[in-house]
Amino acid sequence: MKIDFKYLGLEFVESAAEYDQCLLHEKPEIAFVGASNAGKSSAINAISNQKKLAKISKTPGKTKLFNFFRLSAGYIVDFPGYGYSKVSKSQKKEWAVELPKYFDSREALVGAILFTDIRNPMREHDISMFEMLHARQIPVLIVLTKSDKIAEKEALEIKNTLQDAYGFVLNFSIKDRESIGSLISLINELLSN
């Protein structure tokens, strides 16, 4: 079956180390959040059909800044992965200050997509992030990454269980064109609301 969708024309614009350095613009933006190694960078590359747009590392925790990617309808802001132990204490303290600033103050923010590995979904940091976003009334979509790594039936069961608890959930794999198309549609929908 041919799945018809248009890849997002994403381009990297800039990084910011602190909230006060974040790009100023008038368009809507979506925050991409999740644990280190949850697959955010791979998802960015998949939805844009570019292999090296977002840097993927064998060492988790490499994204240490707010990374802004532009598309025609708005922006995607890729956040540092949380929960990775080798990040320095000073870096963790800085994130603990800078990340809430973003969610409290960013007027352009229309929603967040929380990426979590389907093989170990919604761990403690994911739940904390979800609760923080939910408390601020920021719409959150949960994307279960690496869904090709487990049996289809099990993936569906996990999705249904999490959907009951958290609302909308998408099973996603960079190897599955249908799930890439679904994520693209959700992003376009969020940015156009």
Protein backbone atom coordinates (compact mmCIF):
# COMPACT_ATOMS: atom_id res chain seq x y z
CA MET A 1 0.00 0.00 0.00
CA LYS A 2 1.38 3.41 -1.00
CA ILE A 3 1.18 5.98 1.76
CA ASP A 4 0.92 9.50 0.45
CA PHE A 5 2.45 12.24 2.58
CA LYS A 6 4.80 15.13 2.21
CA TYR A 7 7.97 15.23 4.31
CA LEU A 8 8.44 18.34 6.41
CA GLY A 9 10.87 20.83 4.89
CA LEU A 10 12.77 21.25 8.14
CA GLU A 11 15.92 23.31 8.39
CA PHE A 12 18.11 23.86 11.42
CA VAL A 13 18.08 27.53 12.42
CA GLU A 14 19.99 27.93 15.67
CA SER A 15 20.68 26.64 19.18
CA ALA A 16 20.26 28.45 22.46
CA ALA A 17 22.01 27.53 25.70
CA GLU A 18 19.57 29.50 27.85
CA TYR A 19 15.95 30.53 27.59
CA ASP A 20 16.86 34.23 27.20
CA GLN A 21 18.81 33.34 24.04
CA CYS A 22 15.86 31.54 22.39
CA LEU A 23 14.88 32.58 18.89
CA LEU A 24 12.25 35.32 18.73
CA HIS A 25 9.60 34.81 16.06
CA GLU A 26 5.85 35.13 15.46
CA LYS A 27 5.04 31.59 14.31
CA PRO A 28 3.72 28.66 16.39
CA GLU A 29 6.19 26.11 17.75
CA ILE A 30 6.13 22.60 19.14
CA ALA A 31 8.50 21.33 21.84
CA PHE A 32 10.06 17.88 21.31
CA VAL A 33 10.85 16.42 24.73
CA GLY A 34 11.95 13.03 26.01
CA ALA A 35 14.66 11.04 27.68
CA SER A 36 18.12 10.79 26.19
CA ASN A 37 18.14 8.04 23.59
CA ALA A 38 14.32 8.09 23.21
CA GLY A 39 14.73 8.76 19.49
CA LYS A 40 13.88 12.46 19.11
CA SER A 41 16.77 13.15 16.73
CA SER A 42 15.96 10.08 14.65
CA ALA A 43 12.33 11.23 14.44
CA ILE A 44 13.39 14.71 13.27
CA ASN A 45 15.52 13.13 10.55
CA ALA A 46 12.69 10.75 9.55
CA ILE A 47 9.95 13.39 9.26
CA SER A 48 12.23 15.63 7.19
CA ASN A 49 13.72 12.76 5.12
CA GLN A 50 17.22 14.03 5.95
CA LYS A 51 19.77 11.68 7.46
CA LYS A 52 21.92 14.25 9.25
CA LEU A 53 19.65 17.19 10.07
CA ALA A 54 19.55 16.34 13.77
CA LYS A 55 22.70 14.83 15.20
CA ILE A 56 22.32 11.26 16.41
CA SER A 57 24.91 9.98 18.82
CA LYS A 58 25.75 6.57 20.22
CA THR A 59 26.32 8.47 23.47
CA PRO A 60 22.99 9.70 24.85
CA GLY A 61 22.71 13.20 26.25
CA LYS A 62 24.46 15.09 23.44
CA THR A 63 21.68 17.66 22.90
CA LYS A 64 22.62 20.26 25.46
CA LEU A 65 20.66 23.22 24.08
CA PHE A 66 17.31 24.34 22.71
CA ASN A 67 17.63 23.48 19.00
CA PHE A 68 15.30 25.34 16.65
CA PHE A 69 14.17 23.78 13.37
CA ARG A 70 12.04 25.82 10.96
CA LEU A 71 9.31 24.55 8.69
CA SER A 72 6.84 26.60 6.65
CA ALA A 73 4.08 26.53 9.31
CA GLY A 74 6.28 27.21 12.34
CA TYR A 75 9.10 25.71 14.43
CA ILE A 76 10.08 22.53 16.22
CA VAL A 77 12.21 23.05 19.32
CA ASP A 78 14.28 19.99 20.21
CA PHE A 79 15.09 19.85 23.92
CA PRO A 80 17.99 18.23 25.72
CA GLY A 81 17.27 14.62 26.64
CA TYR A 82 16.66 14.23 30.35
CA GLY A 83 17.62 11.49 32.74
CA TYR A 84 21.11 10.79 31.44
CA SER A 85 23.54 10.29 34.31
CA LYS A 86 26.74 11.46 32.58
CA VAL A 87 25.45 15.01 32.20
CA SER A 88 27.26 17.19 34.74
CA LYS A 89 25.49 18.36 37.91
CA SER A 90 25.91 21.99 36.85
CA GLN A 91 24.33 21.21 33.47
CA LYS A 92 21.38 19.49 35.19
CA LYS A 93 20.92 22.49 37.51
CA GLU A 94 20.94 24.82 34.53
CA TRP A 95 18.31 22.73 32.73
CA ALA A 96 16.17 22.63 35.89
CA VAL A 97 16.00 26.43 35.69
CA GLU A 98 15.93 26.99 31.92
CA LEU A 99 13.36 24.37 30.87
CA PRO A 100 10.52 25.52 33.17
CA LYS A 101 11.23 29.14 32.08
CA TYR A 102 10.50 28.07 28.52
CA PHE A 103 7.23 26.32 29.39
CA ASP A 104 6.08 29.18 31.62
CA SER A 105 6.91 32.02 29.25
CA ARG A 106 6.88 30.85 25.64
CA GLU A 107 3.84 32.42 23.98
CA ALA A 108 4.46 30.76 20.61
CA LEU A 109 4.24 27.25 22.13
CA VAL A 110 1.18 25.36 20.84
CA GLY A 111 2.01 21.90 22.17
CA ALA A 112 4.62 19.33 23.09
CA ILE A 113 5.45 15.90 21.76
CA LEU A 114 6.88 13.57 24.38
CA PHE A 115 9.03 10.79 22.92
CA THR A 116 9.39 7.63 25.00
CA ASP A 117 10.90 4.24 24.11
CA ILE A 118 8.10 1.66 23.77
CA ARG A 119 10.33 -1.00 25.37
CA ASN A 120 10.36 0.94 28.63
CA PRO A 121 7.71 3.64 28.25
CA MET A 122 6.73 6.51 30.53
CA ARG A 123 9.51 6.22 33.06
CA GLU A 124 9.71 8.53 36.06
CA HIS A 125 11.22 11.48 34.14
CA ASP A 126 8.63 11.10 31.36
CA ILE A 127 5.79 11.15 33.88
CA SER A 128 7.26 14.24 35.58
CA MET A 129 7.55 15.98 32.22
CA PHE A 130 3.98 15.01 31.25
CA GLU A 131 2.64 16.27 34.59
CA MET A 132 4.55 19.56 34.30
CA LEU A 133 3.15 20.17 30.80
CA HIS A 134 -0.35 19.08 31.79
CA ALA A 135 -0.31 21.42 34.83
CA ARG A 136 0.52 24.29 32.47
CA GLN A 137 -2.33 23.24 30.13
CA ILE A 138 0.07 22.58 27.25
CA PRO A 139 -1.34 19.94 24.87
CA VAL A 140 0.88 16.82 24.96
CA LEU A 141 1.09 13.99 22.44
CA ILE A 142 2.97 10.86 23.45
CA VAL A 143 5.01 9.12 20.77
CA LEU A 144 6.14 5.56 21.51
CA THR A 145 9.39 5.26 19.58
CA LYS A 146 11.11 2.10 18.30
CA SER A 147 7.77 0.29 18.00
CA ASP A 148 9.34 -2.00 15.39
CA LYS A 149 11.50 -3.51 18.15
CA ILE A 150 8.61 -5.43 19.74
CA ALA A 151 5.73 -7.59 18.45
CA GLU A 152 2.86 -5.69 16.85
CA LYS A 153 0.29 -7.11 19.31
CA GLU A 154 2.39 -6.07 22.31
CA ALA A 155 2.93 -2.60 20.80
CA LEU A 156 -0.83 -2.17 20.42
CA GLU A 157 -1.47 -3.29 24.02
CA ILE A 158 1.09 -0.80 25.37
CA LYS A 159 -0.40 1.98 23.24
CA ASN A 160 -3.95 1.25 24.44
CA THR A 161 -2.88 1.09 28.11
CA LEU A 162 -1.03 4.41 27.89
CA GLN A 163 -3.83 6.03 25.91
CA ASP A 164 -6.24 5.29 28.78
CA ALA A 165 -3.88 7.04 31.20
CA TYR A 166 -2.48 9.91 29.10
CA GLY A 167 -4.74 10.64 26.15
CA PHE A 168 -3.46 10.46 22.58
CA VAL A 169 -0.57 8.04 21.93
CA LEU A 170 1.15 7.22 18.61
CA ASN A 171 3.23 4.12 17.94
CA PHE A 172 6.22 5.25 15.89
CA SER A 173 9.14 3.71 14.06
CA ILE A 174 11.56 5.39 11.67
CA LYS A 175 11.24 2.19 9.58
CA ASP A 176 7.47 2.54 9.21
CA ARG A 177 6.30 5.05 6.58
CA GLU A 178 2.75 5.02 7.93
CA SER A 179 3.84 6.11 11.41
CA ILE A 180 6.14 8.79 9.91
CA GLY A 181 3.17 10.07 7.92
CA SER A 182 0.99 10.07 11.06
CA LEU A 183 3.56 12.08 13.01
CA ILE A 184 3.87 14.59 10.15
CA SER A 185 0.06 14.99 10.10
CA LEU A 186 -0.05 15.54 13.85
CA ILE A 187 2.68 18.18 13.68
CA ASN A 188 0.91 20.00 10.83
CA GLU A 189 -2.38 19.83 12.76
CA LEU A 190 -0.84 21.22 15.96
CA LEU A 191 0.85 24.07 14.10
CA SER A 192 -2.33 25.06 12.25
CA ASN A 193 -4.61 25.20 15.34
